[in-house]
Amino acid sequence: MLHGQTRYNIESRFIDEIPEELLKKINHAKTNQPAPPSKSYTPAMRRQEAAGGFRIGQQVRHAKFGVGVIVQTEGQGGDARLQVNFRESGLKWLALEYAKLSAA
């Protein structure tokens, strides 16, 4: 499963090298059973992604750490934190209230 979706790959060309007793065959036949409900995107998620006006994937600039990309947000308002992957300094968690970030 990848990103909530089942994916089937082609069989490896090396599968014949594995002893038969170690293999478990899985039936990939479709069934009439409905799929479980998926998580859908909600406005609440959008608010979290846009903490303090910043969004995941956005490039930002910090006075000490330089340019980076927001990879995760957490909290709201005065408790909001951003995880930023800086080019030179690596991954950092920053309190949005004190970080003084600007769009790059």
PDB file of N, CA and C in Angstrom:
ATOM      1  N   MET A   1       0.851  -1.164   0.000  1.00  0.00           N
ATOM      2  CA  MET A   1       0.000   0.000   0.000  1.00  0.00           C
ATOM      3  C   MET A   1       0.902   1.233   0.000  1.00  0.00           C
ATOM      4  N   LEU A   2       0.560   2.211  -0.826  1.00  0.00           N
ATOM      5  CA  LEU A   2       1.322   3.443  -0.929  1.00  0.00           C
ATOM      6  C   LEU A   2       0.353   4.603  -0.992  1.00  0.00           C
ATOM      7  N   HIS A   3       0.470   5.542  -0.076  1.00  0.00           N
ATOM      8  CA  HIS A   3      -0.413   6.711  -0.019  1.00  0.00           C
ATOM      9  C   HIS A   3      -1.886   6.305   0.030  1.00  0.00           C
ATOM     10  N   GLY A   4      -2.180   5.238   0.776  1.00  0.00           N
ATOM     11  CA  GLY A   4      -3.552   4.803   0.953  1.00  0.00           C
ATOM     12  C   GLY A   4      -4.130   4.016  -0.209  1.00  0.00           C
ATOM     13  N   GLN A   5      -3.314   3.695  -1.198  1.00  0.00           N
ATOM     14  CA  GLN A   5      -3.804   2.947  -2.349  1.00  0.00           C
ATOM     15  C   GLN A   5      -3.016   1.651  -2.492  1.00  0.00           C
ATOM     16  N   THR A   6      -3.746   0.562  -2.766  1.00  0.00           N
ATOM     17  CA  THR A   6      -3.090  -0.717  -2.990  1.00  0.00           C
ATOM     18  C   THR A   6      -2.452  -0.709  -4.364  1.00  0.00           C
ATOM     19  N   ARG A   7      -1.205  -1.139  -4.424  1.00  0.00           N
ATOM     20  CA  ARG A   7      -0.488  -1.193  -5.700  1.00  0.00           C
ATOM     21  C   ARG A   7       0.050  -2.605  -5.891  1.00  0.00           C
ATOM     22  N   TYR A   8      -0.091  -3.110  -7.095  1.00  0.00           N
ATOM     23  CA  TYR A   8       0.422  -4.429  -7.432  1.00  0.00           C
ATOM     24  C   TYR A   8       1.559  -4.264  -8.426  1.00  0.00           C
ATOM     25  N   ASN A   9       2.660  -4.892  -8.138  1.00  0.00           N
ATOM     26  CA  ASN A   9       3.824  -4.817  -9.013  1.00  0.00           C
ATOM     27  C   ASN A   9       3.949  -6.107  -9.807  1.00  0.00           C
ATOM     28  N   ILE A  10       4.732  -6.052 -10.868  1.00  0.00           N
ATOM     29  CA  ILE A  10       4.972  -7.261 -11.641  1.00  0.00           C
ATOM     30  C   ILE A  10       5.867  -8.190 -10.830  1.00  0.00           C
ATOM     31  N   GLU A  11       5.739  -9.461 -11.115  1.00  0.00           N
ATOM     32  CA  GLU A  11       6.525 -10.454 -10.393  1.00  0.00           C
ATOM     33  C   GLU A  11       8.004 -10.311 -10.745  1.00  0.00           C
ATOM     34  N   SER A  12       8.866 -10.435  -9.757  1.00  0.00           N
ATOM     35  CA  SER A  12      10.308 -10.325  -9.955  1.00  0.00           C
ATOM     36  C   SER A  12      10.815 -11.450 -10.842  1.00  0.00           C
ATOM     37  N   ARG A  13      11.813 -11.156 -11.641  1.00  0.00           N
ATOM     38  CA  ARG A  13      12.402 -12.196 -12.494  1.00  0.00           C
ATOM     39  C   ARG A  13      13.206 -13.202 -11.666  1.00  0.00           C
ATOM     40  N   PHE A  14      13.479 -12.881 -10.411  1.00  0.00           N
ATOM     41  CA  PHE A  14      14.246 -13.764  -9.533  1.00  0.00           C
ATOM     42  C   PHE A  14      13.355 -14.648  -8.662  1.00  0.00           C
ATOM     43  N   ILE A  15      12.050 -14.575  -8.836  1.00  0.00           N
ATOM     44  CA  ILE A  15      11.118 -15.326  -7.992  1.00  0.00           C
ATOM     45  C   ILE A  15      11.341 -16.834  -8.106  1.00  0.00           C
ATOM     46  N   ASP A  16      11.816 -17.290  -9.261  1.00  0.00           N
ATOM     47  CA  ASP A  16      12.050 -18.725  -9.459  1.00  0.00           C
ATOM     48  C   ASP A  16      13.207 -19.249  -8.615  1.00  0.00           C
ATOM     49  N   GLU A  17      14.036 -18.360  -8.086  1.00  0.00           N
ATOM     50  CA  GLU A  17      15.175 -18.773  -7.271  1.00  0.00           C
ATOM     51  C   GLU A  17      14.776 -19.064  -5.821  1.00  0.00           C
ATOM     52  N   ILE A  18      13.558 -18.687  -5.437  1.00  0.00           N
ATOM     53  CA  ILE A  18      13.078 -18.901  -4.074  1.00  0.00           C
ATOM     54  C   ILE A  18      12.387 -20.259  -4.014  1.00  0.00           C
ATOM     55  N   PRO A  19      12.717 -21.091  -3.013  1.00  0.00           N
ATOM     56  CA  PRO A  19      12.054 -22.394  -2.893  1.00  0.00           C
ATOM     57  C   PRO A  19      10.534 -22.226  -2.762  1.00  0.00           C
ATOM     58  N   GLU A  20       9.794 -23.089  -3.421  1.00  0.00           N
ATOM     59  CA  GLU A  20       8.327 -23.018  -3.467  1.00  0.00           C
ATOM     60  C   GLU A  20       7.702 -22.999  -2.072  1.00  0.00           C
ATOM     61  N   GLU A  21       8.280 -23.765  -1.121  1.00  0.00           N
ATOM     62  CA  GLU A  21       7.693 -23.836   0.228  1.00  0.00           C
ATOM     63  C   GLU A  21       7.818 -22.522   1.005  1.00  0.00           C
ATOM     64  N   LEU A  22       8.653 -21.608   0.545  1.00  0.00           N
ATOM     65  CA  LEU A  22       8.803 -20.313   1.210  1.00  0.00           C
ATOM     66  C   LEU A  22       7.904 -19.233   0.615  1.00  0.00           C
ATOM     67  N   LEU A  23       7.243 -19.541  -0.488  1.00  0.00           N
ATOM     68  CA  LEU A  23       6.382 -18.564  -1.150  1.00  0.00           C
ATOM     69  C   LEU A  23       4.953 -18.659  -0.637  1.00  0.00           C
ATOM     70  N   LYS A  24       4.288 -17.537  -0.577  1.00  0.00           N
ATOM     71  CA  LYS A  24       2.880 -17.497  -0.215  1.00  0.00           C
ATOM     72  C   LYS A  24       2.148 -16.840  -1.377  1.00  0.00           C
ATOM     73  N   LYS A  25       1.273 -17.588  -2.008  1.00  0.00           N
ATOM     74  CA  LYS A  25       0.513 -17.077  -3.150  1.00  0.00           C
ATOM     75  C   LYS A  25      -0.666 -16.259  -2.636  1.00  0.00           C
ATOM     76  N   ILE A  26      -0.868 -15.107  -3.222  1.00  0.00           N
ATOM     77  CA  ILE A  26      -1.976 -14.235  -2.841  1.00  0.00           C
ATOM     78  C   ILE A  26      -2.892 -14.096  -4.044  1.00  0.00           C
ATOM     79  N   ASN A  27      -4.185 -14.306  -3.821  1.00  0.00           N
ATOM     80  CA  ASN A  27      -5.161 -14.178  -4.891  1.00  0.00           C
ATOM     81  C   ASN A  27      -5.488 -12.701  -5.069  1.00  0.00           C
ATOM     82  N   HIS A  28      -5.271 -12.180  -6.242  1.00  0.00           N
ATOM     83  CA  HIS A  28      -5.533 -10.767  -6.522  1.00  0.00           C
ATOM     84  C   HIS A  28      -6.868 -10.559  -7.217  1.00  0.00           C
ATOM     85  N   ALA A  29      -7.761 -11.549  -7.128  1.00  0.00           N
ATOM     86  CA  ALA A  29      -9.064 -11.421  -7.775  1.00  0.00           C
ATOM     87  C   ALA A  29      -9.865 -10.318  -7.102  1.00  0.00           C
ATOM     88  N   LYS A  30     -10.619  -9.611  -7.905  1.00  0.00           N
ATOM     89  CA  LYS A  30     -11.446  -8.530  -7.364  1.00  0.00           C
ATOM     90  C   LYS A  30     -12.654  -9.122  -6.649  1.00  0.00           C
ATOM     91  N   THR A  31     -13.100  -8.445  -5.616  1.00  0.00           N
ATOM     92  CA  THR A  31     -14.278  -8.884  -4.879  1.00  0.00           C
ATOM     93  C   THR A  31     -15.357  -7.831  -5.014  1.00  0.00           C
ATOM     94  N   ASN A  32     -16.555  -8.187  -4.608  1.00  0.00           N
ATOM     95  CA  ASN A  32     -17.664  -7.237  -4.649  1.00  0.00           C
ATOM     96  C   ASN A  32     -17.783  -6.453  -3.350  1.00  0.00           C
ATOM     97  N   GLN A  33     -16.823  -6.607  -2.461  1.00  0.00           N
ATOM     98  CA  GLN A  33     -16.867  -5.894  -1.194  1.00  0.00           C
ATOM     99  C   GLN A  33     -16.443  -4.450  -1.410  1.00  0.00           C
ATOM    100  N   PRO A  34     -17.168  -3.517  -0.803  1.00  0.00           N
ATOM    101  CA  PRO A  34     -16.782  -2.113  -0.962  1.00  0.00           C
ATOM    102  C   PRO A  34     -15.474  -1.824  -0.235  1.00  0.00           C
ATOM    103  N   ALA A  35     -14.739  -0.899  -0.769  1.00  0.00           N
ATOM    104  CA  ALA A  35     -13.486  -0.482  -0.146  1.00  0.00           C
ATOM    105  C   ALA A  35     -13.797   0.317   1.109  1.00  0.00           C
ATOM    106  N   PRO A  36     -12.920   0.272   2.111  1.00  0.00           N
ATOM    107  CA  PRO A  36     -13.157   1.068   3.314  1.00  0.00           C
ATOM    108  C   PRO A  36     -13.120   2.552   2.966  1.00  0.00           C
ATOM    109  N   PRO A  37     -13.863   3.367   3.711  1.00  0.00           N
ATOM    110  CA  PRO A  37     -13.868   4.799   3.405  1.00  0.00           C
ATOM    111  C   PRO A  37     -12.471   5.387   3.554  1.00  0.00           C
ATOM    112  N   SER A  38     -12.121   6.258   2.644  1.00  0.00           N
ATOM    113  CA  SER A  38     -10.796   6.868   2.690  1.00  0.00           C
ATOM    114  C   SER A  38     -10.872   8.196   3.419  1.00  0.00           C
ATOM    115  N   LYS A  39      -9.721   8.612   3.927  1.00  0.00           N
ATOM    116  CA  LYS A  39      -9.660   9.928   4.547  1.00  0.00           C
ATOM    117  C   LYS A  39      -9.781  10.958   3.437  1.00  0.00           C
ATOM    118  N   SER A  40     -10.701  11.841   3.577  1.00  0.00           N
ATOM    119  CA  SER A  40     -10.827  12.869   2.554  1.00  0.00           C
ATOM    120  C   SER A  40     -10.246  14.173   3.081  1.00  0.00           C
ATOM    121  N   TYR A  41      -9.889  15.010   2.180  1.00  0.00           N
ATOM    122  CA  TYR A  41      -9.294  16.299   2.512  1.00  0.00           C
ATOM    123  C   TYR A  41     -10.368  17.200   3.083  1.00  0.00           C
ATOM    124  N   THR A  42     -10.108  17.822   4.208  1.00  0.00           N
ATOM    125  CA  THR A  42     -11.091  18.696   4.837  1.00  0.00           C
ATOM    126  C   THR A  42     -10.513  20.088   5.024  1.00  0.00           C
ATOM    127  N   PRO A  43     -11.372  21.098   5.168  1.00  0.00           N
ATOM    128  CA  PRO A  43     -10.867  22.451   5.426  1.00  0.00           C
ATOM    129  C   PRO A  43     -10.003  22.526   6.681  1.00  0.00           C
ATOM    130  N   ALA A  44     -10.269  21.675   7.682  1.00  0.00           N
ATOM    131  CA  ALA A  44      -9.444  21.679   8.894  1.00  0.00           C
ATOM    132  C   ALA A  44      -8.009  21.305   8.565  1.00  0.00           C
ATOM    133  N   MET A  45      -7.824  20.354   7.632  1.00  0.00           N
ATOM    134  CA  MET A  45      -6.474  19.983   7.218  1.00  0.00           C
ATOM    135  C   MET A  45      -5.802  21.151   6.512  1.00  0.00           C
ATOM    136  N   ARG A  46      -6.555  21.864   5.711  1.00  0.00           N
ATOM    137  CA  ARG A  46      -5.999  23.014   4.996  1.00  0.00           C
ATOM    138  C   ARG A  46      -5.502  24.057   5.991  1.00  0.00           C
ATOM    139  N   ARG A  47      -6.273  24.298   7.047  1.00  0.00           N
ATOM    140  CA  ARG A  47      -5.846  25.269   8.060  1.00  0.00           C
ATOM    141  C   ARG A  47      -4.547  24.831   8.717  1.00  0.00           C
ATOM    142  N   GLN A  48      -4.426  23.531   9.000  1.00  0.00           N
ATOM    143  CA  GLN A  48      -3.213  23.040   9.640  1.00  0.00           C
ATOM    144  C   GLN A  48      -2.020  23.196   8.708  1.00  0.00           C
ATOM    145  N   GLU A  49      -2.219  22.904   7.421  1.00  0.00           N
ATOM    146  CA  GLU A  49      -1.128  23.019   6.466  1.00  0.00           C
ATOM    147  C   GLU A  49      -0.712  24.473   6.276  1.00  0.00           C
ATOM    148  N   ALA A  50      -1.638  25.378   6.513  1.00  0.00           N
ATOM    149  CA  ALA A  50      -1.351  26.784   6.289  1.00  0.00           C
ATOM    150  C   ALA A  50      -1.086  27.509   7.603  1.00  0.00           C
ATOM    151  N   ALA A  51      -0.395  26.872   8.527  1.00  0.00           N
ATOM    152  CA  ALA A  51      -0.098  27.462   9.829  1.00  0.00           C
ATOM    153  C   ALA A  51       0.645  28.773   9.658  1.00  0.00           C
ATOM    154  N   GLY A  52       0.075  29.835  10.186  1.00  0.00           N
ATOM    155  CA  GLY A  52       0.726  31.137  10.130  1.00  0.00           C
ATOM    156  C   GLY A  52       0.900  31.675   8.721  1.00  0.00           C
ATOM    157  N   GLY A  53       0.101  31.197   7.783  1.00  0.00           N
ATOM    158  CA  GLY A  53       0.225  31.657   6.411  1.00  0.00           C
ATOM    159  C   GLY A  53       1.241  30.869   5.602  1.00  0.00           C
ATOM    160  N   PHE A  54       1.919  29.917   6.221  1.00  0.00           N
ATOM    161  CA  PHE A  54       2.887  29.075   5.516  1.00  0.00           C
ATOM    162  C   PHE A  54       2.243  27.731   5.207  1.00  0.00           C
ATOM    163  N   ARG A  55       2.721  27.059   4.182  1.00  0.00           N
ATOM    164  CA  ARG A  55       2.160  25.762   3.803  1.00  0.00           C
ATOM    165  C   ARG A  55       3.277  24.750   3.569  1.00  0.00           C
ATOM    166  N   ILE A  56       2.943  23.492   3.659  1.00  0.00           N
ATOM    167  CA  ILE A  56       3.904  22.422   3.399  1.00  0.00           C
ATOM    168  C   ILE A  56       4.381  22.530   1.957  1.00  0.00           C
ATOM    169  N   GLY A  57       5.684  22.413   1.768  1.00  0.00           N
ATOM    170  CA  GLY A  57       6.283  22.515   0.437  1.00  0.00           C
ATOM    171  C   GLY A  57       6.750  23.913   0.084  1.00  0.00           C
ATOM    172  N   GLN A  58       6.397  24.892   0.897  1.00  0.00           N
ATOM    173  CA  GLN A  58       6.777  26.281   0.620  1.00  0.00           C
ATOM    174  C   GLN A  58       8.231  26.525   1.015  1.00  0.00           C
ATOM    175  N   GLN A  59       8.944  27.297   0.190  1.00  0.00           N
ATOM    176  CA  GLN A  59      10.318  27.690   0.519  1.00  0.00           C
ATOM    177  C   GLN A  59      10.273  28.903   1.436  1.00  0.00           C
ATOM    178  N   VAL A  60      11.099  28.867   2.483  1.00  0.00           N
ATOM    179  CA  VAL A  60      11.168  29.971   3.441  1.00  0.00           C
ATOM    180  C   VAL A  60      12.623  30.342   3.696  1.00  0.00           C
ATOM    181  N   ARG A  61      12.813  31.520   4.255  1.00  0.00           N
ATOM    182  CA  ARG A  61      14.156  31.998   4.588  1.00  0.00           C
ATOM    183  C   ARG A  61      14.205  32.327   6.080  1.00  0.00           C
ATOM    184  N   HIS A  62      15.303  31.921   6.729  1.00  0.00           N
ATOM    185  CA  HIS A  62      15.543  32.194   8.144  1.00  0.00           C
ATOM    186  C   HIS A  62      16.885  32.907   8.247  1.00  0.00           C
ATOM    187  N   ALA A  63      16.981  33.881   9.140  1.00  0.00           N
ATOM    188  CA  ALA A  63      18.199  34.691   9.254  1.00  0.00           C
ATOM    189  C   ALA A  63      19.444  33.854   9.539  1.00  0.00           C
ATOM    190  N   LYS A  64      19.344  32.838  10.385  1.00  0.00           N
ATOM    191  CA  LYS A  64      20.507  32.036  10.758  1.00  0.00           C
ATOM    192  C   LYS A  64      20.688  30.798   9.870  1.00  0.00           C
ATOM    193  N   PHE A  65      19.582  30.099   9.563  1.00  0.00           N
ATOM    194  CA  PHE A  65      19.664  28.815   8.868  1.00  0.00           C
ATOM    195  C   PHE A  65      19.593  28.918   7.347  1.00  0.00           C
ATOM    196  N   GLY A  66      19.197  30.068   6.826  1.00  0.00           N
ATOM    197  CA  GLY A  66      19.133  30.258   5.378  1.00  0.00           C
ATOM    198  C   GLY A  66      17.817  29.797   4.775  1.00  0.00           C
ATOM    199  N   VAL A  67      17.890  29.279   3.546  1.00  0.00           N
ATOM    200  CA  VAL A  67      16.697  28.874   2.800  1.00  0.00           C
ATOM    201  C   VAL A  67      16.382  27.409   3.068  1.00  0.00           C
ATOM    202  N   GLY A  68      15.093  27.123   3.233  1.00  0.00           N
ATOM    203  CA  GLY A  68      14.650  25.754   3.453  1.00  0.00           C
ATOM    204  C   GLY A  68      13.238  25.551   2.950  1.00  0.00           C
ATOM    205  N   VAL A  69      12.759  24.319   3.059  1.00  0.00           N
ATOM    206  CA  VAL A  69      11.416  23.954   2.610  1.00  0.00           C
ATOM    207  C   VAL A  69      10.636  23.397   3.799  1.00  0.00           C
ATOM    208  N   ILE A  70       9.406  23.860   3.987  1.00  0.00           N
ATOM    209  CA  ILE A  70       8.548  23.365   5.066  1.00  0.00           C
ATOM    210  C   ILE A  70       8.105  21.948   4.728  1.00  0.00           C
ATOM    211  N   VAL A  71       8.362  21.013   5.654  1.00  0.00           N
ATOM    212  CA  VAL A  71       7.996  19.619   5.418  1.00  0.00           C
ATOM    213  C   VAL A  71       6.861  19.142   6.327  1.00  0.00           C
ATOM    214  N   GLN A  72       6.604  19.871   7.425  1.00  0.00           N
ATOM    215  CA  GLN A  72       5.539  19.460   8.337  1.00  0.00           C
ATOM    216  C   GLN A  72       5.118  20.646   9.181  1.00  0.00           C
ATOM    217  N   THR A  73       3.831  20.678   9.565  1.00  0.00           N
ATOM    218  CA  THR A  73       3.338  21.699  10.483  1.00  0.00           C
ATOM    219  C   THR A  73       2.684  21.008  11.663  1.00  0.00           C
ATOM    220  N   GLU A  74       2.645  21.715  12.780  1.00  0.00           N
ATOM    221  CA  GLU A  74       2.066  21.147  13.995  1.00  0.00           C
ATOM    222  C   GLU A  74       1.514  22.283  14.831  1.00  0.00           C
ATOM    223  N   GLY A  75       0.322  22.109  15.393  1.00  0.00           N
ATOM    224  CA  GLY A  75      -0.271  23.106  16.266  1.00  0.00           C
ATOM    225  C   GLY A  75      -0.889  24.266  15.508  1.00  0.00           C
ATOM    226  N   GLN A  76      -1.469  25.195  16.286  1.00  0.00           N
ATOM    227  CA  GLN A  76      -2.120  26.363  15.703  1.00  0.00           C
ATOM    228  C   GLN A  76      -1.873  27.567  16.581  1.00  0.00           C
ATOM    229  N   GLY A  77      -2.029  28.738  15.991  1.00  0.00           N
ATOM    230  CA  GLY A  77      -1.881  29.979  16.735  1.00  0.00           C
ATOM    231  C   GLY A  77      -0.501  30.118  17.347  1.00  0.00           C
ATOM    232  N   GLY A  78      -0.437  30.485  18.636  1.00  0.00           N
ATOM    233  CA  GLY A  78       0.826  30.682  19.328  1.00  0.00           C
ATOM    234  C   GLY A  78       1.611  29.402  19.554  1.00  0.00           C
ATOM    235  N   ASP A  79       0.949  28.251  19.399  1.00  0.00           N
ATOM    236  CA  ASP A  79       1.617  26.961  19.584  1.00  0.00           C
ATOM    237  C   ASP A  79       2.095  26.339  18.271  1.00  0.00           C
ATOM    238  N   ALA A  80       1.927  27.037  17.167  1.00  0.00           N
ATOM    239  CA  ALA A  80       2.282  26.473  15.858  1.00  0.00           C
ATOM    240  C   ALA A  80       3.786  26.275  15.739  1.00  0.00           C
ATOM    241  N   ARG A  81       4.150  25.106  15.207  1.00  0.00           N
ATOM    242  CA  ARG A  81       5.560  24.801  14.925  1.00  0.00           C
ATOM    243  C   ARG A  81       5.658  24.320  13.490  1.00  0.00           C
ATOM    244  N   LEU A  82       6.794  24.582  12.875  1.00  0.00           N
ATOM    245  CA  LEU A  82       7.055  24.135  11.513  1.00  0.00           C
ATOM    246  C   LEU A  82       8.328  23.313  11.504  1.00  0.00           C
ATOM    247  N   GLN A  83       8.331  22.234  10.738  1.00  0.00           N
ATOM    248  CA  GLN A  83       9.565  21.487  10.517  1.00  0.00           C
ATOM    249  C   GLN A  83      10.061  21.908   9.140  1.00  0.00           C
ATOM    250  N   VAL A  84      11.279  22.435   9.111  1.00  0.00           N
ATOM    251  CA  VAL A  84      11.845  22.972   7.877  1.00  0.00           C
ATOM    252  C   VAL A  84      13.143  22.234   7.566  1.00  0.00           C
ATOM    253  N   ASN A  85      13.296  21.829   6.320  1.00  0.00           N
ATOM    254  CA  ASN A  85      14.528  21.189   5.869  1.00  0.00           C
ATOM    255  C   ASN A  85      15.378  22.263   5.194  1.00  0.00           C
ATOM    256  N   PHE A  86      16.397  22.749   5.905  1.00  0.00           N
ATOM    257  CA  PHE A  86      17.264  23.803   5.390  1.00  0.00           C
ATOM    258  C   PHE A  86      18.389  23.206   4.558  1.00  0.00           C
ATOM    259  N   ARG A  87      18.754  23.887   3.491  1.00  0.00           N
ATOM    260  CA  ARG A  87      19.804  23.406   2.584  1.00  0.00           C
ATOM    261  C   ARG A  87      21.116  23.176   3.318  1.00  0.00           C
ATOM    262  N   GLU A  88      21.523  24.131   4.125  1.00  0.00           N
ATOM    263  CA  GLU A  88      22.824  24.070   4.799  1.00  0.00           C
ATOM    264  C   GLU A  88      22.755  23.444   6.192  1.00  0.00           C
ATOM    265  N   SER A  89      21.647  23.646   6.900  1.00  0.00           N
ATOM    266  CA  SER A  89      21.566  23.250   8.312  1.00  0.00           C
ATOM    267  C   SER A  89      20.763  21.987   8.571  1.00  0.00           C
ATOM    268  N   GLY A  90      20.107  21.442   7.563  1.00  0.00           N
ATOM    269  CA  GLY A  90      19.327  20.227   7.747  1.00  0.00           C
ATOM    270  C   GLY A  90      17.945  20.483   8.316  1.00  0.00           C
ATOM    271  N   LEU A  91      17.377  19.459   8.937  1.00  0.00           N
ATOM    272  CA  LEU A  91      16.010  19.470   9.435  1.00  0.00           C
ATOM    273  C   LEU A  91      15.935  20.140  10.804  1.00  0.00           C
ATOM    274  N   LYS A  92      15.033  21.119  10.937  1.00  0.00           N
ATOM    275  CA  LYS A  92      14.860  21.856  12.201  1.00  0.00           C
ATOM    276  C   LYS A  92      13.379  22.055  12.490  1.00  0.00           C
ATOM    277  N   TRP A  93      13.001  21.945  13.773  1.00  0.00           N
ATOM    278  CA  TRP A  93      11.669  22.339  14.232  1.00  0.00           C
ATOM    279  C   TRP A  93      11.770  23.770  14.730  1.00  0.00           C
ATOM    280  N   LEU A  94      10.878  24.640  14.282  1.00  0.00           N
ATOM    281  CA  LEU A  94      10.898  26.041  14.682  1.00  0.00           C
ATOM    282  C   LEU A  94       9.530  26.453  15.203  1.00  0.00           C
ATOM    283  N   ALA A  95       9.521  27.180  16.330  1.00  0.00           N
ATOM    284  CA  ALA A  95       8.282  27.759  16.835  1.00  0.00           C
ATOM    285  C   ALA A  95       7.962  28.955  15.950  1.00  0.00           C
ATOM    286  N   LEU A  96       6.817  28.917  15.301  1.00  0.00           N
ATOM    287  CA  LEU A  96       6.461  29.952  14.335  1.00  0.00           C
ATOM    288  C   LEU A  96       6.444  31.343  14.965  1.00  0.00           C
ATOM    289  N   GLU A  97       6.068  31.410  16.225  1.00  0.00           N
ATOM    290  CA  GLU A  97       5.974  32.683  16.937  1.00  0.00           C
ATOM    291  C   GLU A  97       7.333  33.393  17.036  1.00  0.00           C
ATOM    292  N   TYR A  98       8.430  32.621  17.102  1.00  0.00           N
ATOM    293  CA  TYR A  98       9.752  33.203  17.306  1.00  0.00           C
ATOM    294  C   TYR A  98      10.681  33.092  16.103  1.00  0.00           C
ATOM    295  N   ALA A  99      10.333  32.300  15.121  1.00  0.00           N
ATOM    296  CA  ALA A  99      11.256  31.971  14.028  1.00  0.00           C
ATOM    297  C   ALA A  99      11.540  33.120  13.071  1.00  0.00           C
ATOM    298  N   LYS A 100      10.630  34.042  12.907  1.00  0.00           N
ATOM    299  CA  LYS A 100      10.792  35.167  11.977  1.00  0.00           C
ATOM    300  C   LYS A 100      11.153  34.671  10.578  1.00  0.00           C
ATOM    301  N   LEU A 101      10.313  33.790  10.062  1.00  0.00           N
ATOM    302  CA  LEU A 101      10.501  33.261   8.714  1.00  0.00           C
ATOM    303  C   LEU A 101       9.877  34.199   7.696  1.00  0.00           C
ATOM    304  N   SER A 102      10.448  34.196   6.500  1.00  0.00           N
ATOM    305  CA  SER A 102       9.849  34.931   5.388  1.00  0.00           C
ATOM    306  C   SER A 102       9.817  34.010   4.180  1.00  0.00           C
ATOM    307  N   ALA A 103       8.898  34.272   3.265  1.00  0.00           N
ATOM    308  CA  ALA A 103       8.826  33.471   2.040  1.00  0.00           C
ATOM    309  C   ALA A 103      10.086  33.714   1.228  1.00  0.00           C
ATOM    310  N   ALA A 104      10.653  32.644   0.673  1.00  0.00           N
ATOM    311  CA  ALA A 104      11.891  32.776  -0.110  1.00  0.00           C
ATOM    312  C   ALA A 104      11.578  33.006  -1.573  1.00  0.00           C
TER     313      ALA A 104
END
